[in-house]
PDB file of N, CA and C in Angstrom:
ATOM      1  N   MET A   1      59.292 171.641 113.403  1.00  0.00           N
ATOM      2  CA  MET A   1      58.756 173.218 113.343  1.00  0.00           C
ATOM      3  C   MET A   1      59.965 173.903 112.260  1.00  0.00           C
ATOM      4  N   LYS A   2      61.165 173.556 112.922  1.00  0.00           N
ATOM      5  CA  LYS A   2      62.575 174.476 112.280  1.00  0.00           C
ATOM      6  C   LYS A   2      62.337 174.340 111.078  1.00  0.00           C
ATOM      7  N   GLU A   3      61.943 173.427 110.287  1.00  0.00           N
ATOM      8  CA  GLU A   3      62.109 173.201 108.988  1.00  0.00           C
ATOM      9  C   GLU A   3      61.093 173.849 108.454  1.00  0.00           C
ATOM     10  N   LEU A   4      59.691 173.929 109.031  1.00  0.00           N
ATOM     11  CA  LEU A   4      58.708 174.938 108.342  1.00  0.00           C
ATOM     12  C   LEU A   4      59.010 176.136 108.440  1.00  0.00           C
ATOM     13  N   VAL A   5      59.586 176.762 109.382  1.00  0.00           N
ATOM     14  CA  VAL A   5      60.182 178.144 109.489  1.00  0.00           C
ATOM     15  C   VAL A   5      61.352 178.449 108.157  1.00  0.00           C
ATOM     16  N   GLU A   6      61.914 177.311 108.124  1.00  0.00           N
ATOM     17  CA  GLU A   6      63.038 177.436 106.974  1.00  0.00           C
ATOM     18  C   GLU A   6      62.443 177.500 105.692  1.00  0.00           C
ATOM     19  N   VAL A   7      61.731 176.812 105.365  1.00  0.00           N
ATOM     20  CA  VAL A   7      61.030 176.526 104.268  1.00  0.00           C
ATOM     21  C   VAL A   7      60.410 178.102 103.680  1.00  0.00           C
ATOM     22  N   ILE A   8      59.503 178.733 104.837  1.00  0.00           N
ATOM     23  CA  ILE A   8      58.897 179.880 104.347  1.00  0.00           C
ATOM     24  C   ILE A   8      59.694 180.672 104.448  1.00  0.00           C
ATOM     25  N   ALA A   9      60.740 180.962 105.256  1.00  0.00           N
ATOM     26  CA  ALA A   9      61.831 182.186 105.197  1.00  0.00           C
ATOM     27  C   ALA A   9      62.539 182.043 103.642  1.00  0.00           C
ATOM     28  N   LYS A  10      63.065 180.744 103.289  1.00  0.00           N
ATOM     29  CA  LYS A  10      63.700 180.665 102.312  1.00  0.00           C
ATOM     30  C   LYS A  10      62.548 181.505 100.940  1.00  0.00           C
ATOM     31  N   ALA A  11      61.475 180.797 100.989  1.00  0.00           N
ATOM     32  CA  ALA A  11      60.841 181.187  99.827  1.00  0.00           C
ATOM     33  C   ALA A  11      60.548 183.045  99.829  1.00  0.00           C
ATOM     34  N   LEU A  12      60.860 183.631 100.945  1.00  0.00           N
ATOM     35  CA  LEU A  12      60.275 184.882 100.866  1.00  0.00           C
ATOM     36  C   LEU A  12      61.333 185.881 100.715  1.00  0.00           C
ATOM     37  N   VAL A  13      63.109 185.597 100.759  1.00  0.00           N
ATOM     38  CA  VAL A  13      63.903 186.211 100.919  1.00  0.00           C
ATOM     39  C   VAL A  13      64.546 186.083  99.403  1.00  0.00           C
ATOM     40  N   ASP A  14      65.748 187.357  99.136  1.00  0.00           N
ATOM     41  CA  ASP A  14      66.620 187.114  98.021  1.00  0.00           C
ATOM     42  C   ASP A  14      67.771 186.144  97.890  1.00  0.00           C
ATOM     43  N   ASN A  15      67.907 186.034  99.281  1.00  0.00           N
ATOM     44  CA  ASN A  15      69.425 185.457  99.703  1.00  0.00           C
ATOM     45  C   ASN A  15      69.346 184.306 100.680  1.00  0.00           C
ATOM     46  N   PRO A  16      68.594 183.152 100.045  1.00  0.00           N
ATOM     47  CA  PRO A  16      68.179 181.938 100.440  1.00  0.00           C
ATOM     48  C   PRO A  16      69.418 181.220 101.322  1.00  0.00           C
ATOM     49  N   ASP A  17      70.500 181.541 100.848  1.00  0.00           N
ATOM     50  CA  ASP A  17      71.735 180.815 101.465  1.00  0.00           C
ATOM     51  C   ASP A  17      71.869 181.459 102.751  1.00  0.00           C
ATOM     52  N   GLU A  18      71.586 182.630 103.031  1.00  0.00           N
ATOM     53  CA  GLU A  18      71.736 183.177 104.381  1.00  0.00           C
ATOM     54  C   GLU A  18      70.970 183.228 105.427  1.00  0.00           C
ATOM     55  N   VAL A  19      69.787 182.358 104.935  1.00  0.00           N
ATOM     56  CA  VAL A  19      68.713 181.900 106.280  1.00  0.00           C
ATOM     57  C   VAL A  19      68.943 181.016 107.236  1.00  0.00           C
ATOM     58  N   VAL A  20      69.129 181.211 108.396  1.00  0.00           N
ATOM     59  CA  VAL A  20      69.920 180.302 109.310  1.00  0.00           C
ATOM     60  C   VAL A  20      68.703 180.233 110.580  1.00  0.00           C
ATOM     61  N   VAL A  21      68.083 178.797 110.625  1.00  0.00           N
ATOM     62  CA  VAL A  21      67.170 178.597 111.940  1.00  0.00           C
ATOM     63  C   VAL A  21      67.726 177.895 112.831  1.00  0.00           C
ATOM     64  N   THR A  22      67.527 178.176 114.287  1.00  0.00           N
ATOM     65  CA  THR A  22      68.018 177.526 115.188  1.00  0.00           C
ATOM     66  C   THR A  22      66.458 177.317 116.168  1.00  0.00           C
ATOM     67  N   GLU A  23      66.821 176.236 117.011  1.00  0.00           N
ATOM     68  CA  GLU A  23      66.076 175.468 117.821  1.00  0.00           C
ATOM     69  C   GLU A  23      66.099 175.355 118.962  1.00  0.00           C
ATOM     70  N   LYS A  24      65.541 175.979 120.059  1.00  0.00           N
ATOM     71  CA  LYS A  24      66.042 175.612 121.218  1.00  0.00           C
ATOM     72  C   LYS A  24      64.992 175.196 122.365  1.00  0.00           C
ATOM     73  N   THR A  25      65.028 174.282 122.776  1.00  0.00           N
ATOM     74  CA  THR A  25      63.683 173.448 123.565  1.00  0.00           C
ATOM     75  C   THR A  25      64.135 173.752 125.153  1.00  0.00           C
ATOM     76  N   GLU A  26      62.618 174.303 125.627  1.00  0.00           N
ATOM     77  CA  GLU A  26      62.839 174.332 127.345  1.00  0.00           C
ATOM     78  C   GLU A  26      61.673 173.738 127.793  1.00  0.00           C
ATOM     79  N   GLY A  27      61.822 172.302 127.870  1.00  0.00           N
ATOM     80  CA  GLY A  27      60.314 171.866 128.588  1.00  0.00           C
ATOM     81  C   GLY A  27      59.306 171.367 127.050  1.00  0.00           C
ATOM     82  N   ARG A  28      58.319 172.242 127.633  1.00  0.00           N
ATOM     83  CA  ARG A  28      57.252 172.145 126.524  1.00  0.00           C
ATOM     84  C   ARG A  28      57.294 173.346 125.725  1.00  0.00           C
ATOM     85  N   ASN A  29      58.264 174.618 126.111  1.00  0.00           N
ATOM     86  CA  ASN A  29      58.093 175.351 125.067  1.00  0.00           C
ATOM     87  C   ASN A  29      59.456 175.355 123.942  1.00  0.00           C
ATOM     88  N   ILE A  30      59.036 175.706 122.864  1.00  0.00           N
ATOM     89  CA  ILE A  30      60.007 175.485 121.878  1.00  0.00           C
ATOM     90  C   ILE A  30      60.372 177.271 121.447  1.00  0.00           C
ATOM     91  N   VAL A  31      61.620 177.563 121.183  1.00  0.00           N
ATOM     92  CA  VAL A  31      62.325 178.917 120.751  1.00  0.00           C
ATOM     93  C   VAL A  31      62.819 178.656 119.490  1.00  0.00           C
ATOM     94  N   ILE A  32      62.412 179.239 118.428  1.00  0.00           N
ATOM     95  CA  ILE A  32      62.749 179.001 117.059  1.00  0.00           C
ATOM     96  C   ILE A  32      63.235 180.545 116.488  1.00  0.00           C
ATOM     97  N   GLU A  33      64.693 180.748 116.345  1.00  0.00           N
ATOM     98  CA  GLU A  33      65.363 181.798 115.597  1.00  0.00           C
ATOM     99  C   GLU A  33      65.745 182.031 114.807  1.00  0.00           C
ATOM    100  N   LEU A  34      65.345 183.071 113.739  1.00  0.00           N
ATOM    101  CA  LEU A  34      65.372 182.908 112.376  1.00  0.00           C
ATOM    102  C   LEU A  34      66.155 183.961 112.095  1.00  0.00           C
ATOM    103  N   HIS A  35      67.170 183.662 111.467  1.00  0.00           N
ATOM    104  CA  HIS A  35      68.564 184.731 111.007  1.00  0.00           C
ATOM    105  C   HIS A  35      68.416 184.949 109.401  1.00  0.00           C
ATOM    106  N   VAL A  36      68.126 186.377 109.170  1.00  0.00           N
ATOM    107  CA  VAL A  36      68.182 186.354 107.512  1.00  0.00           C
ATOM    108  C   VAL A  36      69.187 187.409 107.370  1.00  0.00           C
ATOM    109  N   ALA A  37      69.496 187.671 105.981  1.00  0.00           N
ATOM    110  CA  ALA A  37      70.297 189.057 105.919  1.00  0.00           C
ATOM    111  C   ALA A  37      69.791 190.007 106.111  1.00  0.00           C
ATOM    112  N   SER A  38      70.541 191.343 106.350  1.00  0.00           N
ATOM    113  CA  SER A  38      69.766 192.594 106.571  1.00  0.00           C
ATOM    114  C   SER A  38      69.125 193.279 105.366  1.00  0.00           C
ATOM    115  N   SER A  39      69.390 192.665 104.444  1.00  0.00           N
ATOM    116  CA  SER A  39      68.680 193.237 103.095  1.00  0.00           C
ATOM    117  C   SER A  39      67.498 192.669 103.177  1.00  0.00           C
ATOM    118  N   ASP A  40      67.161 191.569 103.510  1.00  0.00           N
ATOM    119  CA  ASP A  40      66.106 190.591 103.712  1.00  0.00           C
ATOM    120  C   ASP A  40      65.295 190.693 105.079  1.00  0.00           C
ATOM    121  N   MET A  41      65.337 191.653 105.802  1.00  0.00           N
ATOM    122  CA  MET A  41      64.895 191.857 106.879  1.00  0.00           C
ATOM    123  C   MET A  41      63.179 192.216 106.830  1.00  0.00           C
ATOM    124  N   GLY A  42      63.326 193.301 105.813  1.00  0.00           N
ATOM    125  CA  GLY A  42      61.916 193.831 105.687  1.00  0.00           C
ATOM    126  C   GLY A  42      61.029 192.915 104.862  1.00  0.00           C
ATOM    127  N   LYS A  43      61.650 192.092 104.030  1.00  0.00           N
ATOM    128  CA  LYS A  43      60.921 190.811 103.593  1.00  0.00           C
ATOM    129  C   LYS A  43      60.144 189.999 104.428  1.00  0.00           C
ATOM    130  N   VAL A  44      60.783 189.654 105.446  1.00  0.00           N
ATOM    131  CA  VAL A  44      60.449 188.683 106.318  1.00  0.00           C
ATOM    132  C   VAL A  44      59.474 189.259 107.330  1.00  0.00           C
ATOM    133  N   ILE A  45      59.748 190.713 107.754  1.00  0.00           N
ATOM    134  CA  ILE A  45      58.888 191.001 108.881  1.00  0.00           C
ATOM    135  C   ILE A  45      57.427 191.616 108.357  1.00  0.00           C
ATOM    136  N   GLY A  46      57.729 192.473 106.959  1.00  0.00           N
ATOM    137  CA  GLY A  46      56.456 192.856 106.097  1.00  0.00           C
ATOM    138  C   GLY A  46      56.012 194.181 106.755  1.00  0.00           C
ATOM    139  N   LYS A  47      55.282 194.781 105.935  1.00  0.00           N
ATOM    140  CA  LYS A  47      54.545 195.914 106.443  1.00  0.00           C
ATOM    141  C   LYS A  47      53.629 195.955 108.047  1.00  0.00           C
ATOM    142  N   GLN A  48      54.155 196.777 108.879  1.00  0.00           N
ATOM    143  CA  GLN A  48      53.360 196.614 110.039  1.00  0.00           C
ATOM    144  C   GLN A  48      53.508 195.078 110.744  1.00  0.00           C
ATOM    145  N   GLY A  49      54.599 194.598 110.245  1.00  0.00           N
ATOM    146  CA  GLY A  49      54.748 193.107 110.804  1.00  0.00           C
ATOM    147  C   GLY A  49      53.781 192.008 110.351  1.00  0.00           C
ATOM    148  N   ARG A  50      53.222 192.327 109.374  1.00  0.00           N
ATOM    149  CA  ARG A  50      51.703 191.142 108.959  1.00  0.00           C
ATOM    150  C   ARG A  50      52.694 189.918 108.690  1.00  0.00           C
ATOM    151  N   ILE A  51      53.797 189.954 107.842  1.00  0.00           N
ATOM    152  CA  ILE A  51      54.411 188.689 107.343  1.00  0.00           C
ATOM    153  C   ILE A  51      54.682 187.641 108.770  1.00  0.00           C
ATOM    154  N   ALA A  52      55.430 188.468 109.413  1.00  0.00           N
ATOM    155  CA  ALA A  52      55.670 187.990 110.894  1.00  0.00           C
ATOM    156  C   ALA A  52      54.623 187.180 111.519  1.00  0.00           C
ATOM    157  N   LYS A  53      53.658 188.036 111.696  1.00  0.00           N
ATOM    158  CA  LYS A  53      52.457 187.551 112.273  1.00  0.00           C
ATOM    159  C   LYS A  53      51.926 186.259 111.403  1.00  0.00           C
ATOM    160  N   ALA A  54      51.854 186.327 110.259  1.00  0.00           N
ATOM    161  CA  ALA A  54      51.608 185.258 109.310  1.00  0.00           C
ATOM    162  C   ALA A  54      52.428 183.627 109.666  1.00  0.00           C
ATOM    163  N   ILE A  55      53.692 184.116 109.611  1.00  0.00           N
ATOM    164  CA  ILE A  55      54.541 182.957 110.128  1.00  0.00           C
ATOM    165  C   ILE A  55      54.617 182.404 111.469  1.00  0.00           C
ATOM    166  N   ARG A  56      54.225 183.203 112.470  1.00  0.00           N
ATOM    167  CA  ARG A  56      53.789 182.707 114.044  1.00  0.00           C
ATOM    168  C   ARG A  56      52.829 181.922 113.939  1.00  0.00           C
ATOM    169  N   SER A  57      51.482 182.413 112.818  1.00  0.00           N
ATOM    170  CA  SER A  57      50.315 181.986 113.074  1.00  0.00           C
ATOM    171  C   SER A  57      50.447 180.435 112.474  1.00  0.00           C
ATOM    172  N   VAL A  58      51.473 180.327 111.283  1.00  0.00           N
ATOM    173  CA  VAL A  58      51.109 178.964 110.701  1.00  0.00           C
ATOM    174  C   VAL A  58      52.019 178.263 111.839  1.00  0.00           C
ATOM    175  N   VAL A  59      52.986 178.693 112.270  1.00  0.00           N
ATOM    176  CA  VAL A  59      54.091 177.636 113.239  1.00  0.00           C
ATOM    177  C   VAL A  59      52.914 177.489 114.670  1.00  0.00           C
ATOM    178  N   LYS A  60      52.166 178.337 114.949  1.00  0.00           N
ATOM    179  CA  LYS A  60      51.010 177.779 116.135  1.00  0.00           C
ATOM    180  C   LYS A  60      50.326 176.863 115.801  1.00  0.00           C
ATOM    181  N   ALA A  61      49.589 176.920 114.623  1.00  0.00           N
ATOM    182  CA  ALA A  61      48.859 176.168 114.153  1.00  0.00           C
ATOM    183  C   ALA A  61      49.497 174.393 113.899  1.00  0.00           C
ATOM    184  N   ALA A  62      50.564 174.706 113.604  1.00  0.00           N
ATOM    185  CA  ALA A  62      51.399 173.616 113.269  1.00  0.00           C
ATOM    186  C   ALA A  62      51.715 172.528 114.853  1.00  0.00           C
ATOM    187  N   SER A  63      51.906 173.671 115.552  1.00  0.00           N
ATOM    188  CA  SER A  63      52.359 173.094 117.048  1.00  0.00           C
ATOM    189  C   SER A  63      51.213 172.748 117.682  1.00  0.00           C
ATOM    190  N   SER A  64      49.860 173.058 117.686  1.00  0.00           N
ATOM    191  CA  SER A  64      48.941 172.816 118.224  1.00  0.00           C
ATOM    192  C   SER A  64      48.754 171.376 118.414  1.00  0.00           C
ATOM    193  N   LYS A  65      48.854 170.698 117.446  1.00  0.00           N
ATOM    194  CA  LYS A  65      48.710 169.434 117.100  1.00  0.00           C
ATOM    195  C   LYS A  65      49.718 168.520 118.256  1.00  0.00           C
ATOM    196  N   GLU A  66      50.731 168.968 118.511  1.00  0.00           N
ATOM    197  CA  GLU A  66      51.444 168.339 119.345  1.00  0.00           C
ATOM    198  C   GLU A  66      51.713 168.877 120.799  1.00  0.00           C
ATOM    199  N   ASP A  67      50.640 169.773 120.984  1.00  0.00           N
ATOM    200  CA  ASP A  67      50.646 170.240 122.365  1.00  0.00           C
ATOM    201  C   ASP A  67      51.835 171.046 122.791  1.00  0.00           C
ATOM    202  N   LEU A  68      52.585 172.035 122.176  1.00  0.00           N
ATOM    203  CA  LEU A  68      53.545 172.440 122.286  1.00  0.00           C
ATOM    204  C   LEU A  68      53.463 174.075 122.300  1.00  0.00           C
ATOM    205  N   ARG A  69      54.436 174.902 122.975  1.00  0.00           N
ATOM    206  CA  ARG A  69      54.154 176.068 122.678  1.00  0.00           C
ATOM    207  C   ARG A  69      55.422 176.574 121.905  1.00  0.00           C
ATOM    208  N   VAL A  70      55.335 177.304 120.633  1.00  0.00           N
ATOM    209  CA  VAL A  70      56.599 177.572 120.103  1.00  0.00           C
ATOM    210  C   VAL A  70      56.443 178.740 119.630  1.00  0.00           C
ATOM    211  N   ASP A  71      57.582 179.407 120.076  1.00  0.00           N
ATOM    212  CA  ASP A  71      57.701 181.287 119.780  1.00  0.00           C
ATOM    213  C   ASP A  71      58.933 181.044 118.571  1.00  0.00           C
ATOM    214  N   VAL A  72      58.410 182.082 117.686  1.00  0.00           N
ATOM    215  CA  VAL A  72      59.183 182.625 116.560  1.00  0.00           C
ATOM    216  C   VAL A  72      60.032 184.002 116.539  1.00  0.00           C
ATOM    217  N   GLU A  73      61.203 183.770 116.911  1.00  0.00           N
ATOM    218  CA  GLU A  73      61.969 185.235 117.177  1.00  0.00           C
ATOM    219  C   GLU A  73      62.922 185.384 115.566  1.00  0.00           C
ATOM    220  N   ILE A  74      62.513 186.895 115.251  1.00  0.00           N
ATOM    221  CA  ILE A  74      63.415 186.877 114.061  1.00  0.00           C
ATOM    222  C   ILE A  74      64.377 187.891 114.432  1.00  0.00           C
ATOM    223  N   VAL A  75      65.667 187.685 114.356  1.00  0.00           N
ATOM    224  CA  VAL A  75      66.805 187.943 114.572  1.00  0.00           C
ATOM    225  C   VAL A  75      67.779 188.945 113.552  1.00  0.00           C
TER     226      VAL A  75
END
């Protein structure tokens, strides 16, 4: 899941070198934290959070096969 978020985020931003993705596992829950440059924050969130919702939807669909709950946090 971490790699999936990283690939999506790097495709969206102007500074792909500053994209950092961390993954924390707590039982069947996984928290993925996405860190981007402050200038790229708007591109990752999108208008009214549409891009952020789309990223979360893709990750949720990918994680449903493995029966895990994955939360994506944009920091």
